[in-house]
């Protein structure tokens, strides 16, 4: 969904800051239905900046869809239907948007939710470990994903090689998942609206 109140240095969806197409919830549901899949991931930008996001989520859940919501965690999750799987993308220091506002949403996270850290530097890696040690997350679904520098990103950041991050996770025996952005591997870096 269009709109984001953050400007992360490594953002790869800056097209979602302002552009977009206005659609009614019924139109969105019809579009989703055309894909014939039971799974829906709502992402952005920051989906919770849209006033009707919770209504969309409830409509999809009523339609028996399995719904995941990817959020940076700064907007309250209190009104998000608990049947929704939350994927909280906690902003690391290299993002330039590391403000700690996610903390207020920790109580709303469930055991099947996910915590994601985009790792763009060694500092980010060790910072993420520190955050995991400082907070009691109910979920054990923790994802570390490498940020690699690309053209047209809003800012600059150190970047890490995926192999460095994978090796570091193995070396430190972290109970986390390593995740590449699969859509970029499969369809390239410029595809929008998957």
C-alpha atoms as a PDB file:
ATOM      1  CA  UNK A   1       0.000   0.000   0.000  1.00  0.00           C
ATOM      2  CA  UNK A   2       1.165   3.505  -0.768  1.00  0.00           C
ATOM      3  CA  UNK A   3       2.635   5.837   1.851  1.00  0.00           C
ATOM      4  CA  UNK A   4       5.474   5.660   4.336  1.00  0.00           C
ATOM      5  CA  UNK A   5       6.532   8.017   7.097  1.00  0.00           C
ATOM      6  CA  UNK A   6      10.113   6.703   7.073  1.00  0.00           C
ATOM      7  CA  UNK A   7      12.906   7.263   4.554  1.00  0.00           C
ATOM      8  CA  UNK A   8      15.260   4.352   5.110  1.00  0.00           C
ATOM      9  CA  UNK A   9      18.598   4.663   3.338  1.00  0.00           C
ATOM     10  CA  UNK A  10      18.299   1.162   1.884  1.00  0.00           C
ATOM     11  CA  UNK A  11      14.628   1.405   0.872  1.00  0.00           C
ATOM     12  CA  UNK A  12      13.899  -0.517  -2.318  1.00  0.00           C
ATOM     13  CA  UNK A  13      10.254   0.547  -2.551  1.00  0.00           C
ATOM     14  CA  UNK A  14      10.593   4.323  -2.651  1.00  0.00           C
ATOM     15  CA  UNK A  15       7.995   4.278  -5.452  1.00  0.00           C
ATOM     16  CA  UNK A  16       5.496   3.480  -2.662  1.00  0.00           C
ATOM     17  CA  UNK A  17       6.153   6.788  -0.876  1.00  0.00           C
ATOM     18  CA  UNK A  18       3.597   8.727  -2.908  1.00  0.00           C
ATOM     19  CA  UNK A  19       2.481   6.928  -6.028  1.00  0.00           C
ATOM     20  CA  UNK A  20      -0.324   4.438  -6.107  1.00  0.00           C
ATOM     21  CA  UNK A  21      -3.803   3.810  -7.353  1.00  0.00           C
ATOM     22  CA  UNK A  22      -6.913   4.502  -5.282  1.00  0.00           C
ATOM     23  CA  UNK A  23      -9.029   1.382  -4.968  1.00  0.00           C
ATOM     24  CA  UNK A  24     -12.059   0.407  -2.940  1.00  0.00           C
ATOM     25  CA  UNK A  25     -11.743  -2.562  -0.625  1.00  0.00           C
ATOM     26  CA  UNK A  26     -14.110  -4.528  -2.877  1.00  0.00           C
ATOM     27  CA  UNK A  27     -11.785  -3.862  -5.845  1.00  0.00           C
ATOM     28  CA  UNK A  28      -8.736  -4.978  -3.865  1.00  0.00           C
ATOM     29  CA  UNK A  29     -10.500  -8.175  -2.780  1.00  0.00           C
ATOM     30  CA  UNK A  30     -11.580  -8.881  -6.386  1.00  0.00           C
ATOM     31  CA  UNK A  31      -7.988  -8.401  -7.573  1.00  0.00           C
ATOM     32  CA  UNK A  32      -6.691 -10.748  -4.868  1.00  0.00           C
ATOM     33  CA  UNK A  33      -9.379 -13.304  -5.732  1.00  0.00           C
ATOM     34  CA  UNK A  34      -8.141 -13.330  -9.349  1.00  0.00           C
ATOM     35  CA  UNK A  35      -4.789 -14.742  -8.166  1.00  0.00           C
ATOM     36  CA  UNK A  36      -6.495 -17.800  -6.665  1.00  0.00           C
ATOM     37  CA  UNK A  37      -4.270 -17.964  -3.577  1.00  0.00           C
ATOM     38  CA  UNK A  38      -5.259 -18.285   0.081  1.00  0.00           C
ATOM     39  CA  UNK A  39      -2.316 -16.130   1.255  1.00  0.00           C
ATOM     40  CA  UNK A  40      -2.166 -12.339   1.260  1.00  0.00           C
ATOM     41  CA  UNK A  41       0.786 -10.198   2.372  1.00  0.00           C
ATOM     42  CA  UNK A  42      -0.057  -6.547   2.943  1.00  0.00           C
ATOM     43  CA  UNK A  43       3.029  -4.373   2.704  1.00  0.00           C
ATOM     44  CA  UNK A  44       4.048  -0.940   1.485  1.00  0.00           C
ATOM     45  CA  UNK A  45       5.436   1.609   2.412  1.00  0.00           C
ATOM     46  CA  UNK A  46       3.762   1.382   5.775  1.00  0.00           C
ATOM     47  CA  UNK A  47       0.295  -0.154   5.369  1.00  0.00           C
ATOM     48  CA  UNK A  48      -1.011   1.066   8.732  1.00  0.00           C
ATOM     49  CA  UNK A  49      -0.812   4.678   7.533  1.00  0.00           C
ATOM     50  CA  UNK A  50      -3.853   3.908   5.370  1.00  0.00           C
ATOM     51  CA  UNK A  51      -7.060   4.450   7.392  1.00  0.00           C
ATOM     52  CA  UNK A  52      -8.815   1.427   5.895  1.00  0.00           C
ATOM     53  CA  UNK A  53      -6.044  -1.145   6.335  1.00  0.00           C
ATOM     54  CA  UNK A  54      -7.646  -2.800   9.361  1.00  0.00           C
ATOM     55  CA  UNK A  55     -10.981  -2.954   7.507  1.00  0.00           C
ATOM     56  CA  UNK A  56      -9.215  -4.553   4.530  1.00  0.00           C
ATOM     57  CA  UNK A  57      -7.551  -7.083   6.842  1.00  0.00           C
ATOM     58  CA  UNK A  58     -10.865  -7.980   8.497  1.00  0.00           C
ATOM     59  CA  UNK A  59     -12.586  -8.320   5.115  1.00  0.00           C
ATOM     60  CA  UNK A  60      -9.852 -10.672   3.901  1.00  0.00           C
ATOM     61  CA  UNK A  61      -9.950 -12.713   7.114  1.00  0.00           C
ATOM     62  CA  UNK A  62     -13.750 -12.972   6.817  1.00  0.00           C
ATOM     63  CA  UNK A  63     -13.143 -14.280   3.290  1.00  0.00           C
ATOM     64  CA  UNK A  64     -10.973 -17.064   4.789  1.00  0.00           C
ATOM     65  CA  UNK A  65      -7.675 -15.639   3.547  1.00  0.00           C
ATOM     66  CA  UNK A  66      -4.503 -16.068   5.597  1.00  0.00           C
ATOM     67  CA  UNK A  67      -3.268 -12.504   6.049  1.00  0.00           C
ATOM     68  CA  UNK A  68       0.210 -11.244   6.918  1.00  0.00           C
ATOM     69  CA  UNK A  69       0.987  -7.590   7.570  1.00  0.00           C
ATOM     70  CA  UNK A  70       4.509  -6.230   7.114  1.00  0.00           C
ATOM     71  CA  UNK A  71       5.049  -3.121   9.232  1.00  0.00           C
ATOM     72  CA  UNK A  72       7.934  -1.116  10.664  1.00  0.00           C
ATOM     73  CA  UNK A  73       6.214  -1.280  14.041  1.00  0.00           C
ATOM     74  CA  UNK A  74       5.948   2.440  14.763  1.00  0.00           C
ATOM     75  CA  UNK A  75       2.169   2.551  14.228  1.00  0.00           C
ATOM     76  CA  UNK A  76       0.068   0.877  16.927  1.00  0.00           C
ATOM     77  CA  UNK A  77      -0.884  -2.748  16.308  1.00  0.00           C
ATOM     78  CA  UNK A  78      -3.593  -2.601  18.964  1.00  0.00           C
ATOM     79  CA  UNK A  79      -6.500  -2.554  16.468  1.00  0.00           C
ATOM     80  CA  UNK A  80      -5.037  -5.135  14.076  1.00  0.00           C
ATOM     81  CA  UNK A  81      -7.029  -8.372  14.137  1.00  0.00           C
ATOM     82  CA  UNK A  82      -5.038 -10.936  16.167  1.00  0.00           C
ATOM     83  CA  UNK A  83      -5.609 -13.528  13.417  1.00  0.00           C
ATOM     84  CA  UNK A  84      -3.220 -11.456  11.287  1.00  0.00           C
ATOM     85  CA  UNK A  85       0.392 -12.596  11.138  1.00  0.00           C
ATOM     86  CA  UNK A  86       2.597  -9.590  11.888  1.00  0.00           C
ATOM     87  CA  UNK A  87       6.010  -9.240  10.260  1.00  0.00           C
ATOM     88  CA  UNK A  88       7.721  -6.431  12.150  1.00  0.00           C
ATOM     89  CA  UNK A  89      10.676  -4.934  10.283  1.00  0.00           C
ATOM     90  CA  UNK A  90      12.684  -3.332  13.082  1.00  0.00           C
ATOM     91  CA  UNK A  91      14.796  -0.522  11.655  1.00  0.00           C
ATOM     92  CA  UNK A  92      18.532  -0.873  12.241  1.00  0.00           C
ATOM     93  CA  UNK A  93      21.069   1.983  12.657  1.00  0.00           C
ATOM     94  CA  UNK A  94      22.122   1.922   8.973  1.00  0.00           C
ATOM     95  CA  UNK A  95      18.520   2.606   7.936  1.00  0.00           C
ATOM     96  CA  UNK A  96      18.795   6.129   9.324  1.00  0.00           C
ATOM     97  CA  UNK A  97      15.373   5.516  10.901  1.00  0.00           C
ATOM     98  CA  UNK A  98      16.344   3.604  14.042  1.00  0.00           C
ATOM     99  CA  UNK A  99      14.041   5.331  16.537  1.00  0.00           C
ATOM    100  CA  UNK A 100      12.963   2.523  18.870  1.00  0.00           C
ATOM    101  CA  UNK A 101       9.233   3.182  18.482  1.00  0.00           C
ATOM    102  CA  UNK A 102       8.632  -0.542  17.818  1.00  0.00           C
ATOM    103  CA  UNK A 103       8.946  -1.213  21.569  1.00  0.00           C
ATOM    104  CA  UNK A 104       5.357  -0.098  22.251  1.00  0.00           C
ATOM    105  CA  UNK A 105       4.102  -2.866  19.931  1.00  0.00           C
ATOM    106  CA  UNK A 106       6.010  -5.769  21.500  1.00  0.00           C
ATOM    107  CA  UNK A 107       3.003  -6.670  23.725  1.00  0.00           C
ATOM    108  CA  UNK A 108       0.844  -7.160  20.607  1.00  0.00           C
ATOM    109  CA  UNK A 109       3.183  -9.697  18.986  1.00  0.00           C
ATOM    110  CA  UNK A 110       2.175 -13.352  19.026  1.00  0.00           C
ATOM    111  CA  UNK A 111       4.201 -16.557  18.913  1.00  0.00           C
ATOM    112  CA  UNK A 112       3.576 -17.039  15.170  1.00  0.00           C
ATOM    113  CA  UNK A 113       4.602 -13.486  14.208  1.00  0.00           C
ATOM    114  CA  UNK A 114       7.998 -12.608  12.736  1.00  0.00           C
ATOM    115  CA  UNK A 115      10.672 -10.076  13.617  1.00  0.00           C
ATOM    116  CA  UNK A 116      12.868  -8.954  10.729  1.00  0.00           C
ATOM    117  CA  UNK A 117      16.098  -6.983  10.743  1.00  0.00           C
ATOM    118  CA  UNK A 118      17.597  -5.685   7.493  1.00  0.00           C
ATOM    119  CA  UNK A 119      21.343  -5.881   8.046  1.00  0.00           C
ATOM    120  CA  UNK A 120      23.339  -3.268   6.137  1.00  0.00           C
ATOM    121  CA  UNK A 121      26.502  -3.245   8.258  1.00  0.00           C
ATOM    122  CA  UNK A 122      28.372  -5.152  10.923  1.00  0.00           C
ATOM    123  CA  UNK A 123      27.073  -2.576  13.400  1.00  0.00           C
ATOM    124  CA  UNK A 124      23.495  -3.512  12.421  1.00  0.00           C
ATOM    125  CA  UNK A 125      24.237  -7.186  12.998  1.00  0.00           C
ATOM    126  CA  UNK A 126      25.515  -6.695  16.540  1.00  0.00           C
ATOM    127  CA  UNK A 127      22.785  -4.136  17.277  1.00  0.00           C
ATOM    128  CA  UNK A 128      20.102  -6.668  16.231  1.00  0.00           C
ATOM    129  CA  UNK A 129      21.595  -9.273  18.566  1.00  0.00           C
ATOM    130  CA  UNK A 130      21.506  -6.713  21.375  1.00  0.00           C
ATOM    131  CA  UNK A 131      17.828  -5.887  20.688  1.00  0.00           C
ATOM    132  CA  UNK A 132      16.949  -9.591  20.787  1.00  0.00           C
ATOM    133  CA  UNK A 133      18.716  -9.930  24.132  1.00  0.00           C
ATOM    134  CA  UNK A 134      17.122  -6.798  25.626  1.00  0.00           C
ATOM    135  CA  UNK A 135      13.488  -7.543  24.780  1.00  0.00           C
ATOM    136  CA  UNK A 136      11.221 -10.484  25.481  1.00  0.00           C
ATOM    137  CA  UNK A 137       9.724 -11.331  22.119  1.00  0.00           C
ATOM    138  CA  UNK A 138       7.077 -14.060  22.281  1.00  0.00           C
ATOM    139  CA  UNK A 139       7.994 -15.185  18.780  1.00  0.00           C
ATOM    140  CA  UNK A 140      11.087 -17.179  17.895  1.00  0.00           C
ATOM    141  CA  UNK A 141      10.630 -16.387  14.198  1.00  0.00           C
ATOM    142  CA  UNK A 142      13.569 -14.009  13.792  1.00  0.00           C
ATOM    143  CA  UNK A 143      14.828 -13.112  10.315  1.00  0.00           C
ATOM    144  CA  UNK A 144      18.081 -11.419   9.316  1.00  0.00           C
ATOM    145  CA  UNK A 145      18.157 -10.155   5.749  1.00  0.00           C
ATOM    146  CA  UNK A 146      21.171  -8.537   4.046  1.00  0.00           C
ATOM    147  CA  UNK A 147      20.865  -5.106   2.454  1.00  0.00           C
ATOM    148  CA  UNK A 148      22.867  -4.679  -0.711  1.00  0.00           C
ATOM    149  CA  UNK A 149      23.454  -1.322  -2.371  1.00  0.00           C
ATOM    150  CA  UNK A 150      21.444  -0.659  -5.519  1.00  0.00           C
ATOM    151  CA  UNK A 151      20.771   2.226  -7.852  1.00  0.00           C
ATOM    152  CA  UNK A 152      17.928   4.613  -6.956  1.00  0.00           C
ATOM    153  CA  UNK A 153      17.950   3.986  -3.215  1.00  0.00           C
ATOM    154  CA  UNK A 154      17.229   7.107  -1.148  1.00  0.00           C
ATOM    155  CA  UNK A 155      20.492   7.083   0.801  1.00  0.00           C
ATOM    156  CA  UNK A 156      23.867   5.481   1.254  1.00  0.00           C
ATOM    157  CA  UNK A 157      24.798   2.732   3.676  1.00  0.00           C
ATOM    158  CA  UNK A 158      27.724   0.324   4.087  1.00  0.00           C
ATOM    159  CA  UNK A 159      25.906  -2.797   2.763  1.00  0.00           C
ATOM    160  CA  UNK A 160      26.886  -6.366   3.575  1.00  0.00           C
ATOM    161  CA  UNK A 161      27.494  -9.316   1.335  1.00  0.00           C
ATOM    162  CA  UNK A 162      24.875 -12.027   1.830  1.00  0.00           C
ATOM    163  CA  UNK A 163      27.607 -14.641   2.311  1.00  0.00           C
ATOM    164  CA  UNK A 164      29.157 -12.566   5.127  1.00  0.00           C
ATOM    165  CA  UNK A 165      25.827 -12.432   6.965  1.00  0.00           C
ATOM    166  CA  UNK A 166      25.145 -16.152   6.459  1.00  0.00           C
ATOM    167  CA  UNK A 167      28.622 -17.063   7.719  1.00  0.00           C
ATOM    168  CA  UNK A 168      28.298 -14.744  10.724  1.00  0.00           C
ATOM    169  CA  UNK A 169      24.958 -16.323  11.712  1.00  0.00           C
ATOM    170  CA  UNK A 170      26.506 -19.798  11.467  1.00  0.00           C
ATOM    171  CA  UNK A 171      29.640 -18.760  13.353  1.00  0.00           C
ATOM    172  CA  UNK A 172      27.605 -17.231  16.187  1.00  0.00           C
ATOM    173  CA  UNK A 173      25.091 -20.118  16.155  1.00  0.00           C
ATOM    174  CA  UNK A 174      22.179 -17.702  16.206  1.00  0.00           C
ATOM    175  CA  UNK A 175      18.656 -19.172  16.351  1.00  0.00           C
ATOM    176  CA  UNK A 176      17.519 -17.033  13.403  1.00  0.00           C
ATOM    177  CA  UNK A 177      16.613 -17.451   9.743  1.00  0.00           C
ATOM    178  CA  UNK A 178      18.652 -15.940   6.928  1.00  0.00           C
ATOM    179  CA  UNK A 179      16.489 -14.478   4.183  1.00  0.00           C
ATOM    180  CA  UNK A 180      17.278 -13.028   0.793  1.00  0.00           C
ATOM    181  CA  UNK A 181      14.677 -10.955  -1.013  1.00  0.00           C
ATOM    182  CA  UNK A 182      13.486 -13.816  -3.169  1.00  0.00           C
ATOM    183  CA  UNK A 183      11.445 -11.629  -5.510  1.00  0.00           C
ATOM    184  CA  UNK A 184      14.690  -9.956  -6.618  1.00  0.00           C
ATOM    185  CA  UNK A 185      16.417 -13.283  -7.168  1.00  0.00           C
ATOM    186  CA  UNK A 186      13.504 -14.640  -9.205  1.00  0.00           C
ATOM    187  CA  UNK A 187      12.214 -11.608 -11.098  1.00  0.00           C
ATOM    188  CA  UNK A 188      14.917  -8.961 -10.887  1.00  0.00           C
ATOM    189  CA  UNK A 189      15.336  -5.779  -8.920  1.00  0.00           C
ATOM    190  CA  UNK A 190      12.913  -3.520 -10.775  1.00  0.00           C
ATOM    191  CA  UNK A 191       9.649  -5.456 -10.553  1.00  0.00           C
ATOM    192  CA  UNK A 192       6.956  -3.642  -8.572  1.00  0.00           C
ATOM    193  CA  UNK A 193       3.665  -4.714  -7.039  1.00  0.00           C
ATOM    194  CA  UNK A 194       4.270  -8.419  -6.570  1.00  0.00           C
END
